[in-house]
Amino acid sequence: MKRIITILLCLPVFLGLTACQSNNSNREKEAIYMNITAKEAKEIMDSEKEYIILDVRTQEEYDEKHIPGAVLIPDYDIAQKAEDILKDKDQLILVYCRSGRRSKLASEELVKLGYTNIREFGGIIDWPYETE
């Protein structure tokens, strides 16, 4: 009887500890992307070597004007094409669109796909630097 009472008294403590561990491990696995400014993105481009600039606009928008070296994957194709084009899920990826809405959605999708180093910097309409 004493043994049963001891088990019953310890059970809530044990369950509470395992629930906390589960919540903490879920938080650690929860990936997010960072919003940065165009200036911060440009500083990364000027100082880093290993990054990808990802343009998530349409082909027509890209052909009209884009940031030099940008890779095009339209936002509506991210889920289907990202893993074929963006092989390293830990590589720094700088994401932009026209105004910032699609780049945020694309960044969220990349995080869902397991990408861990996403920096979203808004739209090309606010990009004061070189384009082609």
N, C-alpha and C. Protein backbone atom coordinates (compact mmCIF):
# COMPACT_ATOMS: atom_id res chain seq x y z
N MET A 1 0.82 -1.20 0.00
CA MET A 1 0.00 0.00 0.00
C MET A 1 0.86 1.26 0.00
N LYS A 2 1.93 1.22 0.82
CA LYS A 2 2.84 2.36 0.87
C LYS A 2 3.46 2.63 -0.50
N ARG A 3 3.78 1.57 -1.19
CA ARG A 3 4.39 1.67 -2.51
C ARG A 3 3.44 2.34 -3.50
N ILE A 4 2.18 1.98 -3.48
CA ILE A 4 1.17 2.57 -4.36
C ILE A 4 1.00 4.05 -4.06
N ILE A 5 0.97 4.42 -2.80
CA ILE A 5 0.82 5.83 -2.41
C ILE A 5 2.04 6.62 -2.89
N THR A 6 3.23 6.05 -2.74
CA THR A 6 4.46 6.72 -3.20
C THR A 6 4.41 6.94 -4.71
N ILE A 7 3.98 5.92 -5.44
CA ILE A 7 3.90 6.05 -6.90
C ILE A 7 2.88 7.11 -7.28
N LEU A 8 1.73 7.10 -6.63
CA LEU A 8 0.70 8.09 -6.93
C LEU A 8 1.14 9.50 -6.60
N LEU A 9 1.92 9.68 -5.57
CA LEU A 9 2.43 11.00 -5.20
C LEU A 9 3.52 11.47 -6.17
N CYS A 10 4.31 10.55 -6.66
CA CYS A 10 5.41 10.92 -7.57
C CYS A 10 4.94 11.10 -9.01
N LEU A 11 3.86 10.47 -9.37
CA LEU A 11 3.38 10.51 -10.76
C LEU A 11 3.15 11.94 -11.28
N PRO A 12 2.45 12.82 -10.55
CA PRO A 12 2.26 14.18 -11.08
C PRO A 12 3.57 14.93 -11.28
N VAL A 13 4.52 14.72 -10.38
CA VAL A 13 5.82 15.37 -10.52
C VAL A 13 6.52 14.88 -11.79
N PHE A 14 6.53 13.57 -11.98
CA PHE A 14 7.15 12.99 -13.18
C PHE A 14 6.48 13.50 -14.45
N LEU A 15 5.17 13.51 -14.49
CA LEU A 15 4.46 13.99 -15.67
C LEU A 15 4.74 15.47 -15.92
N GLY A 16 4.80 16.25 -14.87
CA GLY A 16 5.11 17.67 -15.01
C GLY A 16 6.49 17.89 -15.59
N LEU A 17 7.47 17.11 -15.14
CA LEU A 17 8.83 17.26 -15.66
C LEU A 17 8.93 16.85 -17.12
N THR A 18 8.28 15.78 -17.49
CA THR A 18 8.35 15.36 -18.89
C THR A 18 7.60 16.33 -19.79
N ALA A 19 6.52 16.93 -19.31
CA ALA A 19 5.80 17.92 -20.11
C ALA A 19 6.68 19.15 -20.34
N CYS A 20 7.40 19.56 -19.32
CA CYS A 20 8.29 20.72 -19.47
C CYS A 20 9.41 20.41 -20.46
N GLN A 21 9.96 19.22 -20.38
CA GLN A 21 11.02 18.86 -21.31
C GLN A 21 10.50 18.85 -22.73
N SER A 22 9.30 18.34 -22.92
CA SER A 22 8.72 18.30 -24.26
C SER A 22 8.52 19.71 -24.80
N ASN A 23 8.01 20.61 -23.99
CA ASN A 23 7.80 21.98 -24.44
C ASN A 23 9.12 22.66 -24.79
N ASN A 24 10.14 22.46 -23.96
CA ASN A 24 11.43 23.08 -24.23
C ASN A 24 12.04 22.54 -25.51
N SER A 25 11.96 21.23 -25.74
CA SER A 25 12.56 20.70 -26.95
C SER A 25 11.80 21.18 -28.18
N ASN A 26 10.49 21.38 -28.08
CA ASN A 26 9.73 21.92 -29.20
C ASN A 26 10.16 23.35 -29.50
N ARG A 27 10.41 24.14 -28.49
CA ARG A 27 10.86 25.52 -28.70
C ARG A 27 12.22 25.56 -29.36
N GLU A 28 13.12 24.64 -28.94
CA GLU A 28 14.45 24.61 -29.54
C GLU A 28 14.38 24.27 -31.02
N LYS A 29 13.43 23.43 -31.40
CA LYS A 29 13.31 23.02 -32.80
C LYS A 29 12.56 24.04 -33.63
N GLU A 30 11.86 24.96 -32.99
CA GLU A 30 11.07 25.95 -33.72
C GLU A 30 11.99 26.96 -34.39
N ALA A 31 12.07 26.90 -35.69
CA ALA A 31 12.94 27.81 -36.44
C ALA A 31 12.15 29.05 -36.82
N ILE A 32 12.85 30.15 -36.93
CA ILE A 32 12.24 31.41 -37.35
C ILE A 32 13.17 32.09 -38.34
N TYR A 33 12.65 33.09 -39.02
CA TYR A 33 13.51 33.90 -39.88
C TYR A 33 13.63 35.26 -39.24
N MET A 34 14.65 36.00 -39.66
CA MET A 34 14.88 37.34 -39.12
C MET A 34 14.55 38.38 -40.17
N ASN A 35 13.90 39.45 -39.74
CA ASN A 35 13.71 40.62 -40.59
C ASN A 35 14.92 41.52 -40.40
N ILE A 36 15.50 41.96 -41.52
CA ILE A 36 16.60 42.91 -41.45
C ILE A 36 16.30 44.04 -42.42
N THR A 37 17.05 45.11 -42.33
CA THR A 37 16.87 46.25 -43.23
C THR A 37 17.64 46.03 -44.52
N ALA A 38 17.33 46.83 -45.51
CA ALA A 38 18.08 46.79 -46.76
C ALA A 38 19.55 47.11 -46.50
N LYS A 39 19.80 48.05 -45.61
CA LYS A 39 21.18 48.42 -45.27
C LYS A 39 21.92 47.23 -44.66
N GLU A 40 21.26 46.51 -43.75
CA GLU A 40 21.89 45.33 -43.14
C GLU A 40 22.14 44.24 -44.19
N ALA A 41 21.20 44.06 -45.11
CA ALA A 41 21.38 43.08 -46.18
C ALA A 41 22.59 43.46 -47.04
N LYS A 42 22.71 44.73 -47.38
CA LYS A 42 23.83 45.20 -48.20
C LYS A 42 25.16 45.00 -47.46
N GLU A 43 25.17 45.24 -46.15
CA GLU A 43 26.38 45.03 -45.37
C GLU A 43 26.79 43.56 -45.39
N ILE A 44 25.81 42.66 -45.32
CA ILE A 44 26.10 41.22 -45.41
C ILE A 44 26.67 40.91 -46.78
N MET A 45 26.05 41.44 -47.83
CA MET A 45 26.52 41.19 -49.19
C MET A 45 27.94 41.70 -49.41
N ASP A 46 28.28 42.80 -48.75
CA ASP A 46 29.61 43.38 -48.91
C ASP A 46 30.67 42.68 -48.05
N SER A 47 30.27 42.00 -46.98
CA SER A 47 31.25 41.44 -46.07
C SER A 47 31.29 39.91 -46.05
N GLU A 48 30.23 39.26 -46.41
CA GLU A 48 30.17 37.79 -46.39
C GLU A 48 30.46 37.23 -47.78
N LYS A 49 30.78 35.94 -47.82
CA LYS A 49 31.03 35.28 -49.10
C LYS A 49 30.00 34.19 -49.37
N GLU A 50 29.54 33.53 -48.37
CA GLU A 50 28.65 32.38 -48.53
C GLU A 50 27.21 32.76 -48.19
N TYR A 51 26.49 33.24 -49.18
CA TYR A 51 25.08 33.57 -49.01
C TYR A 51 24.40 33.47 -50.36
N ILE A 52 23.08 33.40 -50.31
CA ILE A 52 22.26 33.42 -51.52
C ILE A 52 21.29 34.57 -51.40
N ILE A 53 21.14 35.34 -52.46
CA ILE A 53 20.10 36.37 -52.53
C ILE A 53 18.94 35.73 -53.27
N LEU A 54 17.80 35.68 -52.62
CA LEU A 54 16.63 35.02 -53.19
C LEU A 54 15.55 36.03 -53.52
N ASP A 55 15.24 36.15 -54.80
CA ASP A 55 14.17 37.01 -55.31
C ASP A 55 12.94 36.14 -55.46
N VAL A 56 11.84 36.51 -54.80
CA VAL A 56 10.63 35.67 -54.84
C VAL A 56 9.51 36.30 -55.65
N ARG A 57 9.87 37.22 -56.56
CA ARG A 57 8.88 37.84 -57.44
C ARG A 57 8.65 36.96 -58.66
N THR A 58 7.92 37.46 -59.63
CA THR A 58 7.68 36.72 -60.86
C THR A 58 8.86 36.87 -61.82
N GLN A 59 8.89 36.03 -62.83
CA GLN A 59 9.94 36.09 -63.84
C GLN A 59 9.95 37.47 -64.52
N GLU A 60 8.78 38.00 -64.81
CA GLU A 60 8.68 39.31 -65.47
C GLU A 60 9.26 40.42 -64.61
N GLU A 61 8.95 40.39 -63.32
CA GLU A 61 9.50 41.40 -62.40
C GLU A 61 11.01 41.27 -62.31
N TYR A 62 11.48 40.05 -62.22
CA TYR A 62 12.92 39.78 -62.14
C TYR A 62 13.63 40.30 -63.39
N ASP A 63 13.06 40.02 -64.57
CA ASP A 63 13.67 40.45 -65.83
C ASP A 63 13.72 41.97 -65.94
N GLU A 64 12.76 42.64 -65.35
CA GLU A 64 12.72 44.10 -65.40
C GLU A 64 13.85 44.72 -64.58
N LYS A 65 14.06 44.18 -63.36
CA LYS A 65 15.09 44.73 -62.47
C LYS A 65 15.25 43.76 -61.30
N HIS A 66 16.52 43.46 -60.95
CA HIS A 66 16.78 42.62 -59.78
C HIS A 66 18.15 42.96 -59.19
N ILE A 67 18.38 42.47 -58.00
CA ILE A 67 19.66 42.67 -57.34
C ILE A 67 20.68 41.73 -57.99
N PRO A 68 21.87 42.24 -58.33
CA PRO A 68 22.87 41.39 -58.99
C PRO A 68 23.14 40.11 -58.19
N GLY A 69 23.15 39.00 -58.92
CA GLY A 69 23.44 37.71 -58.30
C GLY A 69 22.24 37.01 -57.68
N ALA A 70 21.08 37.64 -57.74
CA ALA A 70 19.89 37.05 -57.12
C ALA A 70 19.42 35.82 -57.88
N VAL A 71 18.97 34.83 -57.12
CA VAL A 71 18.38 33.62 -57.65
C VAL A 71 16.87 33.82 -57.61
N LEU A 72 16.18 33.44 -58.67
CA LEU A 72 14.73 33.61 -58.73
C LEU A 72 14.01 32.31 -58.41
N ILE A 73 13.16 32.36 -57.39
CA ILE A 73 12.15 31.33 -57.14
C ILE A 73 10.89 32.09 -56.75
N PRO A 74 9.92 32.20 -57.63
CA PRO A 74 8.70 32.92 -57.27
C PRO A 74 8.07 32.35 -56.00
N ASP A 75 7.47 33.23 -55.21
CA ASP A 75 6.91 32.82 -53.92
C ASP A 75 5.97 31.62 -54.04
N TYR A 76 5.21 31.56 -55.12
CA TYR A 76 4.25 30.48 -55.28
C TYR A 76 4.93 29.15 -55.65
N ASP A 77 6.23 29.18 -55.93
CA ASP A 77 6.98 27.96 -56.26
C ASP A 77 7.91 27.51 -55.14
N ILE A 78 7.99 28.25 -54.05
CA ILE A 78 8.94 27.93 -52.99
C ILE A 78 8.78 26.50 -52.50
N ALA A 79 7.58 26.10 -52.15
CA ALA A 79 7.36 24.76 -51.58
C ALA A 79 7.80 23.65 -52.54
N GLN A 80 7.62 23.86 -53.83
CA GLN A 80 7.94 22.82 -54.81
C GLN A 80 9.39 22.86 -55.29
N LYS A 81 10.02 24.03 -55.32
CA LYS A 81 11.33 24.15 -55.96
C LYS A 81 12.50 24.45 -55.04
N ALA A 82 12.24 24.93 -53.83
CA ALA A 82 13.33 25.39 -52.97
C ALA A 82 14.37 24.30 -52.72
N GLU A 83 13.93 23.11 -52.37
CA GLU A 83 14.89 22.07 -52.01
C GLU A 83 15.73 21.61 -53.19
N ASP A 84 15.24 21.78 -54.42
CA ASP A 84 16.03 21.43 -55.60
C ASP A 84 17.07 22.49 -55.91
N ILE A 85 16.78 23.73 -55.59
CA ILE A 85 17.67 24.85 -55.94
C ILE A 85 18.55 25.27 -54.76
N LEU A 86 17.96 25.30 -53.57
CA LEU A 86 18.67 25.73 -52.36
C LEU A 86 19.04 24.48 -51.56
N LYS A 87 20.15 23.87 -51.92
CA LYS A 87 20.53 22.56 -51.38
C LYS A 87 20.89 22.57 -49.89
N ASP A 88 21.61 23.61 -49.45
CA ASP A 88 22.10 23.68 -48.07
C ASP A 88 21.09 24.42 -47.20
N LYS A 89 20.42 23.70 -46.33
CA LYS A 89 19.37 24.32 -45.51
C LYS A 89 19.92 25.20 -44.40
N ASP A 90 21.24 25.17 -44.18
CA ASP A 90 21.85 26.03 -43.17
C ASP A 90 22.55 27.25 -43.77
N GLN A 91 22.55 27.35 -45.08
CA GLN A 91 23.21 28.49 -45.73
C GLN A 91 22.42 29.77 -45.50
N LEU A 92 23.12 30.87 -45.41
CA LEU A 92 22.50 32.18 -45.25
C LEU A 92 21.75 32.53 -46.54
N ILE A 93 20.46 32.81 -46.40
CA ILE A 93 19.62 33.17 -47.55
C ILE A 93 18.97 34.51 -47.26
N LEU A 94 19.22 35.48 -48.15
CA LEU A 94 18.65 36.82 -48.04
C LEU A 94 17.47 36.90 -49.00
N VAL A 95 16.27 37.15 -48.47
CA VAL A 95 15.05 37.06 -49.27
C VAL A 95 14.43 38.44 -49.47
N TYR A 96 14.02 38.71 -50.73
CA TYR A 96 13.31 39.96 -51.01
C TYR A 96 12.26 39.75 -52.09
N CYS A 97 11.36 40.72 -52.21
CA CYS A 97 10.34 40.71 -53.27
C CYS A 97 10.18 42.15 -53.77
N ARG A 98 8.98 42.57 -54.08
CA ARG A 98 8.76 43.94 -54.53
C ARG A 98 8.58 44.87 -53.34
N SER A 99 7.65 44.52 -52.45
CA SER A 99 7.33 45.43 -51.34
C SER A 99 7.58 44.83 -49.95
N GLY A 100 7.75 43.52 -49.85
CA GLY A 100 7.99 42.88 -48.56
C GLY A 100 6.96 41.84 -48.16
N ARG A 101 5.80 41.85 -48.77
CA ARG A 101 4.75 40.90 -48.38
C ARG A 101 5.11 39.47 -48.82
N ARG A 102 5.45 39.30 -50.07
CA ARG A 102 5.77 37.96 -50.58
C ARG A 102 7.05 37.41 -49.96
N SER A 103 8.01 38.29 -49.67
CA SER A 103 9.25 37.81 -49.07
C SER A 103 9.01 37.27 -47.66
N LYS A 104 8.09 37.88 -46.93
CA LYS A 104 7.74 37.37 -45.60
C LYS A 104 7.08 35.99 -45.72
N LEU A 105 6.14 35.85 -46.64
CA LEU A 105 5.47 34.57 -46.83
C LEU A 105 6.46 33.49 -47.30
N ALA A 106 7.34 33.85 -48.21
CA ALA A 106 8.34 32.90 -48.70
C ALA A 106 9.30 32.50 -47.58
N SER A 107 9.69 33.46 -46.74
CA SER A 107 10.58 33.16 -45.61
C SER A 107 9.92 32.20 -44.64
N GLU A 108 8.64 32.41 -44.38
CA GLU A 108 7.89 31.49 -43.51
C GLU A 108 7.87 30.08 -44.12
N GLU A 109 7.66 30.01 -45.41
CA GLU A 109 7.63 28.70 -46.09
C GLU A 109 8.99 28.03 -46.04
N LEU A 110 10.06 28.79 -46.23
CA LEU A 110 11.41 28.22 -46.14
C LEU A 110 11.67 27.65 -44.76
N VAL A 111 11.24 28.35 -43.73
CA VAL A 111 11.41 27.86 -42.36
C VAL A 111 10.64 26.55 -42.18
N LYS A 112 9.42 26.49 -42.71
CA LYS A 112 8.64 25.24 -42.62
C LYS A 112 9.35 24.08 -43.32
N LEU A 113 10.09 24.40 -44.37
CA LEU A 113 10.84 23.37 -45.11
C LEU A 113 12.14 22.97 -44.41
N GLY A 114 12.49 23.67 -43.33
CA GLY A 114 13.67 23.31 -42.55
C GLY A 114 14.88 24.19 -42.74
N TYR A 115 14.74 25.29 -43.47
CA TYR A 115 15.87 26.22 -43.64
C TYR A 115 16.06 26.99 -42.34
N THR A 116 17.32 27.18 -41.96
CA THR A 116 17.61 27.69 -40.62
C THR A 116 18.25 29.07 -40.58
N ASN A 117 18.62 29.62 -41.71
CA ASN A 117 19.40 30.87 -41.70
C ASN A 117 18.81 31.87 -42.71
N ILE A 118 17.57 32.24 -42.48
CA ILE A 118 16.83 33.10 -43.41
C ILE A 118 16.81 34.52 -42.89
N ARG A 119 17.14 35.47 -43.76
CA ARG A 119 17.05 36.90 -43.45
C ARG A 119 16.16 37.55 -44.51
N GLU A 120 15.06 38.10 -44.10
CA GLU A 120 14.11 38.74 -45.00
C GLU A 120 14.33 40.24 -44.92
N PHE A 121 14.53 40.89 -46.09
CA PHE A 121 14.83 42.32 -46.05
C PHE A 121 13.87 43.17 -46.87
N GLY A 122 12.66 42.69 -47.08
CA GLY A 122 11.63 43.54 -47.67
C GLY A 122 11.61 43.55 -49.18
N GLY A 123 11.40 44.75 -49.73
CA GLY A 123 11.17 44.87 -51.15
C GLY A 123 12.21 45.66 -51.90
N ILE A 124 12.29 45.37 -53.18
CA ILE A 124 13.23 46.07 -54.06
C ILE A 124 12.84 47.54 -54.21
N ILE A 125 11.58 47.88 -53.95
CA ILE A 125 11.18 49.29 -54.05
C ILE A 125 11.88 50.14 -52.99
N ASP A 126 12.39 49.51 -51.92
CA ASP A 126 13.12 50.22 -50.88
C ASP A 126 14.63 49.97 -50.96
N TRP A 127 15.09 49.36 -52.04
CA TRP A 127 16.50 49.01 -52.20
C TRP A 127 17.23 50.16 -52.89
N PRO A 128 18.07 50.92 -52.16
CA PRO A 128 18.73 52.08 -52.76
C PRO A 128 20.06 51.76 -53.44
N TYR A 129 20.39 50.47 -53.53
CA TYR A 129 21.68 50.08 -54.07
C TYR A 129 21.54 49.56 -55.51
N GLU A 130 22.61 49.03 -56.03
CA GLU A 130 22.69 48.59 -57.43
C GLU A 130 21.65 47.52 -57.78
N THR A 131 21.12 47.67 -58.96
CA THR A 131 20.24 46.65 -59.55
C THR A 131 20.64 46.46 -61.00
N GLU A 132 20.15 45.40 -61.60
CA GLU A 132 20.42 45.18 -63.03
C GLU A 132 19.16 44.71 -63.71
